[in-house]
PDB file of N, CA and C in Angstrom:
ATOM      1  N   UNK A   1     -61.813  -7.093  -4.422  1.00  0.00           N
ATOM      2  CA  UNK A   1     -62.811  -6.265  -5.094  1.00  0.00           C
ATOM      3  C   UNK A   1     -62.669  -6.535  -6.699  1.00  0.00           C
ATOM      4  N   UNK A   2     -63.888  -6.592  -7.189  1.00  0.00           N
ATOM      5  CA  UNK A   2     -63.852  -6.749  -8.753  1.00  0.00           C
ATOM      6  C   UNK A   2     -64.093  -5.496  -9.499  1.00  0.00           C
ATOM      7  N   UNK A   3     -63.322  -5.231 -10.450  1.00  0.00           N
ATOM      8  CA  UNK A   3     -63.271  -4.076 -11.300  1.00  0.00           C
ATOM      9  C   UNK A   3     -64.229  -4.248 -12.436  1.00  0.00           C
ATOM     10  N   UNK A   4     -65.232  -3.254 -12.641  1.00  0.00           N
ATOM     11  CA  UNK A   4     -66.185  -3.277 -13.640  1.00  0.00           C
ATOM     12  C   UNK A   4     -65.519  -2.601 -14.820  1.00  0.00           C
ATOM     13  N   UNK A   5     -65.679  -3.193 -15.888  1.00  0.00           N
ATOM     14  CA  UNK A   5     -65.094  -2.615 -17.234  1.00  0.00           C
ATOM     15  C   UNK A   5     -66.227  -2.547 -18.262  1.00  0.00           C
ATOM     16  N   UNK A   6     -66.173  -1.576 -19.157  1.00  0.00           N
ATOM     17  CA  UNK A   6     -67.210  -1.450 -20.216  1.00  0.00           C
ATOM     18  C   UNK A   6     -66.703  -0.556 -21.241  1.00  0.00           C
ATOM     19  N   UNK A   7     -66.988  -1.010 -22.470  1.00  0.00           N
ATOM     20  CA  UNK A   7     -66.606  -0.094 -23.731  1.00  0.00           C
ATOM     21  C   UNK A   7     -67.821   0.890 -24.026  1.00  0.00           C
ATOM     22  N   UNK A   8     -67.514   2.121 -24.236  1.00  0.00           N
ATOM     23  CA  UNK A   8     -68.467   3.176 -24.576  1.00  0.00           C
ATOM     24  C   UNK A   8     -67.896   4.264 -25.484  1.00  0.00           C
ATOM     25  N   UNK A   9     -68.544   4.355 -26.674  1.00  0.00           N
ATOM     26  CA  UNK A   9     -68.142   5.308 -27.644  1.00  0.00           C
ATOM     27  C   UNK A   9     -66.809   5.320 -27.887  1.00  0.00           C
ATOM     28  N   UNK A  10     -66.096   4.295 -27.989  1.00  0.00           N
ATOM     29  CA  UNK A  10     -64.674   4.302 -28.419  1.00  0.00           C
ATOM     30  C   UNK A  10     -63.755   4.444 -27.189  1.00  0.00           C
ATOM     31  N   UNK A  11     -64.287   4.241 -25.948  1.00  0.00           N
ATOM     32  CA  UNK A  11     -63.380   4.517 -24.746  1.00  0.00           C
ATOM     33  C   UNK A  11     -63.561   3.162 -23.888  1.00  0.00           C
ATOM     34  N   UNK A  12     -62.680   2.933 -23.123  1.00  0.00           N
ATOM     35  CA  UNK A  12     -62.775   1.825 -22.058  1.00  0.00           C
ATOM     36  C   UNK A  12     -62.929   2.673 -20.746  1.00  0.00           C
ATOM     37  N   UNK A  13     -63.993   2.223 -20.047  1.00  0.00           N
ATOM     38  CA  UNK A  13     -64.050   2.496 -18.605  1.00  0.00           C
ATOM     39  C   UNK A  13     -63.773   1.484 -17.636  1.00  0.00           C
ATOM     40  N   UNK A  14     -63.010   1.757 -16.598  1.00  0.00           N
ATOM     41  CA  UNK A  14     -62.856   0.734 -15.566  1.00  0.00           C
ATOM     42  C   UNK A  14     -63.201   1.385 -14.303  1.00  0.00           C
ATOM     43  N   UNK A  15     -63.960   0.838 -13.432  1.00  0.00           N
ATOM     44  CA  UNK A  15     -64.473   1.294 -12.193  1.00  0.00           C
ATOM     45  C   UNK A  15     -64.119   0.215 -11.136  1.00  0.00           C
ATOM     46  N   UNK A  16     -63.555   0.901  -9.977  1.00  0.00           N
ATOM     47  CA  UNK A  16     -63.194   0.107  -8.902  1.00  0.00           C
ATOM     48  C   UNK A  16     -63.876   0.550  -7.654  1.00  0.00           C
ATOM     49  N   UNK A  17     -64.799  -0.414  -7.095  1.00  0.00           N
ATOM     50  CA  UNK A  17     -65.515   0.035  -5.750  1.00  0.00           C
ATOM     51  C   UNK A  17     -64.554   0.179  -4.670  1.00  0.00           C
ATOM     52  N   UNK A  18     -64.723   1.172  -3.909  1.00  0.00           N
ATOM     53  CA  UNK A  18     -64.002   1.483  -2.662  1.00  0.00           C
ATOM     54  C   UNK A  18     -64.815   1.553  -1.542  1.00  0.00           C
ATOM     55  N   UNK A  19     -64.455   0.966  -0.472  1.00  0.00           N
ATOM     56  CA  UNK A  19     -65.147   1.304   0.961  1.00  0.00           C
ATOM     57  C   UNK A  19     -64.677   2.489   1.617  1.00  0.00           C
ATOM     58  N   UNK A  20     -65.691   3.239   1.980  1.00  0.00           N
ATOM     59  CA  UNK A  20     -65.349   4.541   2.626  1.00  0.00           C
ATOM     60  C   UNK A  20     -65.283   4.380   4.177  1.00  0.00           C
ATOM     61  N   UNK A  21     -64.988   5.423   4.871  1.00  0.00           N
ATOM     62  CA  UNK A  21     -64.807   5.511   6.311  1.00  0.00           C
ATOM     63  C   UNK A  21     -66.213   5.095   7.010  1.00  0.00           C
ATOM     64  N   UNK A  22     -67.264   5.203   6.423  1.00  0.00           N
ATOM     65  CA  UNK A  22     -68.498   4.944   7.069  1.00  0.00           C
ATOM     66  C   UNK A  22     -69.085   3.531   6.623  1.00  0.00           C
ATOM     67  N   UNK A  23     -68.321   2.689   6.178  1.00  0.00           N
ATOM     68  CA  UNK A  23     -68.707   1.450   5.602  1.00  0.00           C
ATOM     69  C   UNK A  23     -69.742   1.554   4.466  1.00  0.00           C
ATOM     70  N   UNK A  24     -69.711   2.554   3.670  1.00  0.00           N
ATOM     71  CA  UNK A  24     -70.535   2.599   2.423  1.00  0.00           C
ATOM     72  C   UNK A  24     -69.414   2.505   1.384  1.00  0.00           C
ATOM     73  N   UNK A  25     -69.990   2.362   0.123  1.00  0.00           N
ATOM     74  CA  UNK A  25     -69.097   2.095  -1.032  1.00  0.00           C
ATOM     75  C   UNK A  25     -69.230   3.300  -2.073  1.00  0.00           C
ATOM     76  N   UNK A  26     -67.991   3.664  -2.319  1.00  0.00           N
ATOM     77  CA  UNK A  26     -67.664   4.659  -3.427  1.00  0.00           C
ATOM     78  C   UNK A  26     -66.952   4.093  -4.507  1.00  0.00           C
ATOM     79  N   UNK A  27     -66.362   4.809  -5.372  1.00  0.00           N
ATOM     80  CA  UNK A  27     -65.712   4.327  -6.562  1.00  0.00           C
ATOM     81  C   UNK A  27     -64.656   5.237  -7.098  1.00  0.00           C
ATOM     82  N   UNK A  28     -63.713   4.618  -7.800  1.00  0.00           N
ATOM     83  CA  UNK A  28     -62.771   5.408  -8.561  1.00  0.00           C
ATOM     84  C   UNK A  28     -63.047   4.880 -10.129  1.00  0.00           C
ATOM     85  N   UNK A  29     -62.739   5.678 -10.920  1.00  0.00           N
ATOM     86  CA  UNK A  29     -62.899   5.103 -12.442  1.00  0.00           C
ATOM     87  C   UNK A  29     -61.658   5.701 -13.221  1.00  0.00           C
ATOM     88  N   UNK A  30     -61.472   4.966 -14.389  1.00  0.00           N
ATOM     89  CA  UNK A  30     -60.475   5.401 -15.269  1.00  0.00           C
ATOM     90  C   UNK A  30     -60.988   5.313 -16.693  1.00  0.00           C
ATOM     91  N   UNK A  31     -60.780   6.330 -17.406  1.00  0.00           N
ATOM     92  CA  UNK A  31     -61.206   6.311 -18.822  1.00  0.00           C
ATOM     93  C   UNK A  31     -59.909   6.343 -19.793  1.00  0.00           C
ATOM     94  N   UNK A  32     -60.043   5.553 -20.626  1.00  0.00           N
ATOM     95  CA  UNK A  32     -58.949   5.400 -21.654  1.00  0.00           C
ATOM     96  C   UNK A  32     -59.558   5.338 -23.151  1.00  0.00           C
ATOM     97  N   UNK A  33     -58.923   5.928 -24.100  1.00  0.00           N
ATOM     98  CA  UNK A  33     -59.435   5.750 -25.481  1.00  0.00           C
ATOM     99  C   UNK A  33     -59.039   4.200 -25.773  1.00  0.00           C
ATOM    100  N   UNK A  34     -60.137   3.638 -26.242  1.00  0.00           N
ATOM    101  CA  UNK A  34     -59.942   2.201 -26.539  1.00  0.00           C
ATOM    102  C   UNK A  34     -58.955   1.818 -27.501  1.00  0.00           C
ATOM    103  N   UNK A  35     -58.042   0.880 -27.195  1.00  0.00           N
ATOM    104  CA  UNK A  35     -56.971   0.482 -28.081  1.00  0.00           C
ATOM    105  C   UNK A  35     -55.802   1.393 -28.340  1.00  0.00           C
ATOM    106  N   UNK A  36     -55.776   2.662 -27.711  1.00  0.00           N
ATOM    107  CA  UNK A  36     -54.709   3.547 -27.893  1.00  0.00           C
ATOM    108  C   UNK A  36     -53.766   3.623 -26.627  1.00  0.00           C
ATOM    109  N   UNK A  37     -53.952   2.963 -25.545  1.00  0.00           N
ATOM    110  CA  UNK A  37     -53.065   3.066 -24.412  1.00  0.00           C
ATOM    111  C   UNK A  37     -53.256   4.250 -23.722  1.00  0.00           C
ATOM    112  N   UNK A  38     -52.212   4.676 -22.928  1.00  0.00           N
ATOM    113  CA  UNK A  38     -52.316   5.846 -22.116  1.00  0.00           C
ATOM    114  C   UNK A  38     -51.891   7.079 -22.990  1.00  0.00           C
ATOM    115  N   UNK A  39     -51.387   7.018 -24.112  1.00  0.00           N
ATOM    116  CA  UNK A  39     -50.984   8.157 -24.770  1.00  0.00           C
ATOM    117  C   UNK A  39     -52.063   9.206 -25.243  1.00  0.00           C
ATOM    118  N   UNK A  40     -53.200   8.646 -25.378  1.00  0.00           N
ATOM    119  CA  UNK A  40     -54.430   9.576 -25.841  1.00  0.00           C
ATOM    120  C   UNK A  40     -54.991  10.014 -24.643  1.00  0.00           C
ATOM    121  N   UNK A  41     -56.310   9.749 -24.344  1.00  0.00           N
ATOM    122  CA  UNK A  41     -57.048  10.145 -23.236  1.00  0.00           C
ATOM    123  C   UNK A  41     -56.897   9.193 -22.027  1.00  0.00           C
ATOM    124  N   UNK A  42     -56.533   9.619 -20.901  1.00  0.00           N
ATOM    125  CA  UNK A  42     -56.428   8.868 -19.741  1.00  0.00           C
ATOM    126  C   UNK A  42     -56.804   9.634 -18.546  1.00  0.00           C
ATOM    127  N   UNK A  43     -57.823   9.500 -18.105  1.00  0.00           N
ATOM    128  CA  UNK A  43     -58.539  10.190 -16.983  1.00  0.00           C
ATOM    129  C   UNK A  43     -58.786   9.240 -15.744  1.00  0.00           C
ATOM    130  N   UNK A  44     -58.441   9.624 -14.652  1.00  0.00           N
ATOM    131  CA  UNK A  44     -58.723   8.820 -13.464  1.00  0.00           C
ATOM    132  C   UNK A  44     -59.343   9.833 -12.405  1.00  0.00           C
ATOM    133  N   UNK A  45     -60.608   9.458 -11.973  1.00  0.00           N
ATOM    134  CA  UNK A  45     -61.230  10.271 -10.908  1.00  0.00           C
ATOM    135  C   UNK A  45     -61.875   9.349  -9.814  1.00  0.00           C
ATOM    136  N   UNK A  46     -62.236   9.841  -8.735  1.00  0.00           N
ATOM    137  CA  UNK A  46     -62.940   9.089  -7.721  1.00  0.00           C
ATOM    138  C   UNK A  46     -64.101   9.910  -7.156  1.00  0.00           C
ATOM    139  N   UNK A  47     -65.044   9.154  -6.561  1.00  0.00           N
ATOM    140  CA  UNK A  47     -66.076   9.912  -5.816  1.00  0.00           C
ATOM    141  C   UNK A  47     -66.026   9.405  -4.354  1.00  0.00           C
ATOM    142  N   UNK A  48     -66.137  10.389  -3.517  1.00  0.00           N
ATOM    143  CA  UNK A  48     -65.982   9.876  -2.104  1.00  0.00           C
ATOM    144  C   UNK A  48     -67.133  10.612  -1.198  1.00  0.00           C
ATOM    145  N   UNK A  49     -68.305  10.972  -1.979  1.00  0.00           N
ATOM    146  CA  UNK A  49     -69.296  11.804  -1.195  1.00  0.00           C
ATOM    147  C   UNK A  49     -70.447  10.904  -1.375  1.00  0.00           C
ATOM    148  N   UNK A  50     -71.128  10.686  -0.166  1.00  0.00           N
ATOM    149  CA  UNK A  50     -72.545   9.958  -0.100  1.00  0.00           C
ATOM    150  C   UNK A  50     -72.295   8.497   0.136  1.00  0.00           C
ATOM    151  N   UNK A  51     -71.848   7.728  -0.835  1.00  0.00           N
ATOM    152  CA  UNK A  51     -71.585   6.348  -0.600  1.00  0.00           C
ATOM    153  C   UNK A  51     -72.881   5.562  -1.224  1.00  0.00           C
ATOM    154  N   UNK A  52     -72.668   4.253  -1.401  1.00  0.00           N
ATOM    155  CA  UNK A  52     -73.683   3.419  -1.751  1.00  0.00           C
ATOM    156  C   UNK A  52     -73.645   2.152  -1.097  1.00  0.00           C
ATOM    157  N   UNK A  53     -74.762   1.407  -1.198  1.00  0.00           N
ATOM    158  CA  UNK A  53     -75.088   0.278  -0.266  1.00  0.00           C
ATOM    159  C   UNK A  53     -74.113  -0.859  -0.517  1.00  0.00           C
ATOM    160  N   UNK A  54     -73.750  -1.132  -1.656  1.00  0.00           N
ATOM    161  CA  UNK A  54     -72.872  -2.211  -1.912  1.00  0.00           C
ATOM    162  C   UNK A  54     -71.926  -1.900  -3.051  1.00  0.00           C
ATOM    163  N   UNK A  55     -70.892  -2.715  -3.328  1.00  0.00           N
ATOM    164  CA  UNK A  55     -69.852  -2.493  -4.325  1.00  0.00           C
ATOM    165  C   UNK A  55     -70.515  -2.503  -5.747  1.00  0.00           C
ATOM    166  N   UNK A  56     -71.574  -3.422  -5.959  1.00  0.00           N
ATOM    167  CA  UNK A  56     -72.073  -3.528  -7.357  1.00  0.00           C
ATOM    168  C   UNK A  56     -72.845  -2.237  -7.696  1.00  0.00           C
ATOM    169  N   UNK A  57     -73.499  -1.609  -6.735  1.00  0.00           N
ATOM    170  CA  UNK A  57     -74.323  -0.249  -7.063  1.00  0.00           C
ATOM    171  C   UNK A  57     -73.152   0.769  -7.270  1.00  0.00           C
ATOM    172  N   UNK A  58     -72.160   0.817  -6.434  1.00  0.00           N
ATOM    173  CA  UNK A  58     -70.906   1.780  -6.664  1.00  0.00           C
ATOM    174  C   UNK A  58     -70.548   1.670  -8.150  1.00  0.00           C
ATOM    175  N   UNK A  59     -70.270   0.420  -8.538  1.00  0.00           N
ATOM    176  CA  UNK A  59     -69.780   0.175 -10.038  1.00  0.00           C
ATOM    177  C   UNK A  59     -70.687   0.806 -11.046  1.00  0.00           C
ATOM    178  N   UNK A  60     -71.999   0.520 -10.746  1.00  0.00           N
ATOM    179  CA  UNK A  60     -72.913   1.053 -11.690  1.00  0.00           C
ATOM    180  C   UNK A  60     -72.956   2.583 -11.728  1.00  0.00           C
ATOM    181  N   UNK A  61     -72.874   3.245 -10.532  1.00  0.00           N
ATOM    182  CA  UNK A  61     -72.854   4.594 -10.459  1.00  0.00           C
ATOM    183  C   UNK A  61     -71.534   5.232 -11.277  1.00  0.00           C
ATOM    184  N   UNK A  62     -70.443   4.560 -10.907  1.00  0.00           N
ATOM    185  CA  UNK A  62     -69.132   4.938 -11.493  1.00  0.00           C
ATOM    186  C   UNK A  62     -69.141   4.825 -13.003  1.00  0.00           C
ATOM    187  N   UNK A  63     -69.908   3.912 -13.479  1.00  0.00           N
ATOM    188  CA  UNK A  63     -69.945   3.804 -14.999  1.00  0.00           C
ATOM    189  C   UNK A  63     -70.781   4.809 -15.660  1.00  0.00           C
ATOM    190  N   UNK A  64     -71.898   5.152 -14.982  1.00  0.00           N
ATOM    191  CA  UNK A  64     -72.809   6.307 -15.418  1.00  0.00           C
ATOM    192  C   UNK A  64     -72.042   7.535 -15.355  1.00  0.00           C
ATOM    193  N   UNK A  65     -71.299   7.901 -14.435  1.00  0.00           N
ATOM    194  CA  UNK A  65     -70.469   9.120 -14.124  1.00  0.00           C
ATOM    195  C   UNK A  65     -69.407   9.220 -15.291  1.00  0.00           C
ATOM    196  N   UNK A  66     -68.762   7.990 -15.571  1.00  0.00           N
ATOM    197  CA  UNK A  66     -67.732   8.079 -16.564  1.00  0.00           C
ATOM    198  C   UNK A  66     -68.427   8.257 -17.968  1.00  0.00           C
ATOM    199  N   UNK A  67     -69.404   7.655 -18.116  1.00  0.00           N
ATOM    200  CA  UNK A  67     -70.228   7.880 -19.465  1.00  0.00           C
ATOM    201  C   UNK A  67     -70.572   9.335 -19.626  1.00  0.00           C
ATOM    202  N   UNK A  68     -70.990  10.029 -18.547  1.00  0.00           N
ATOM    203  CA  UNK A  68     -71.329  11.438 -18.809  1.00  0.00           C
ATOM    204  C   UNK A  68     -69.985  12.182 -19.051  1.00  0.00           C
ATOM    205  N   UNK A  69     -68.990  11.840 -18.412  1.00  0.00           N
ATOM    206  CA  UNK A  69     -67.709  12.538 -18.686  1.00  0.00           C
ATOM    207  C   UNK A  69     -67.379  12.326 -20.219  1.00  0.00           C
ATOM    208  N   UNK A  70     -67.519  11.115 -20.688  1.00  0.00           N
ATOM    209  CA  UNK A  70     -67.155  10.874 -22.067  1.00  0.00           C
ATOM    210  C   UNK A  70     -67.949  11.734 -22.990  1.00  0.00           C
ATOM    211  N   UNK A  71     -69.225  11.629 -22.757  1.00  0.00           N
ATOM    212  CA  UNK A  71     -70.325  12.556 -23.509  1.00  0.00           C
ATOM    213  C   UNK A  71     -69.759  13.978 -23.515  1.00  0.00           C
ATOM    214  N   UNK A  72     -69.405  14.367 -22.342  1.00  0.00           N
ATOM    215  CA  UNK A  72     -68.900  15.870 -22.359  1.00  0.00           C
ATOM    216  C   UNK A  72     -67.619  16.000 -23.114  1.00  0.00           C
ATOM    217  N   UNK A  73     -66.679  15.086 -22.972  1.00  0.00           N
ATOM    218  CA  UNK A  73     -65.336  15.281 -23.715  1.00  0.00           C
ATOM    219  C   UNK A  73     -65.804  15.329 -25.311  1.00  0.00           C
ATOM    220  N   UNK A  74     -66.580  14.407 -25.665  1.00  0.00           N
ATOM    221  CA  UNK A  74     -66.949  14.260 -27.148  1.00  0.00           C
ATOM    222  C   UNK A  74     -67.667  15.598 -27.629  1.00  0.00           C
ATOM    223  N   UNK A  75     -68.536  16.157 -26.725  1.00  0.00           N
ATOM    224  CA  UNK A  75     -69.233  17.352 -27.057  1.00  0.00           C
ATOM    225  C   UNK A  75     -68.365  18.631 -27.201  1.00  0.00           C
ATOM    226  N   UNK A  76     -67.185  18.584 -26.420  1.00  0.00           N
ATOM    227  CA  UNK A  76     -66.301  19.680 -26.389  1.00  0.00           C
ATOM    228  C   UNK A  76     -65.227  19.592 -27.601  1.00  0.00           C
ATOM    229  N   UNK A  77     -65.187  18.289 -27.984  1.00  0.00           N
ATOM    230  CA  UNK A  77     -64.198  17.886 -29.118  1.00  0.00           C
ATOM    231  C   UNK A  77     -62.771  17.845 -28.515  1.00  0.00           C
ATOM    232  N   UNK A  78     -62.591  17.552 -27.231  1.00  0.00           N
ATOM    233  CA  UNK A  78     -61.297  17.603 -26.703  1.00  0.00           C
ATOM    234  C   UNK A  78     -60.648  16.292 -26.521  1.00  0.00           C
ATOM    235  N   UNK A  79     -61.017  15.261 -27.384  1.00  0.00           N
ATOM    236  CA  UNK A  79     -60.364  13.959 -27.471  1.00  0.00           C
ATOM    237  C   UNK A  79     -59.619  13.799 -28.788  1.00  0.00           C
TER     238      UNK A  79
END
């Protein structure tokens, strides 16, 4: 499985597609502050509800969810 990676607002997002028990695709994602390793922000989450038709769509969905989480972190000022 190929991991999707993207830089967004000073963070690195890595999304891994995962096949669920009903042969649908979900994802896990990791958010890190770009260039600062794991000492700064390091969040790992997964989605296992619903599922997507293929791994590419699961990666796109994971990136969108992670972007929303980053926007929320920045809005709270908790980074």
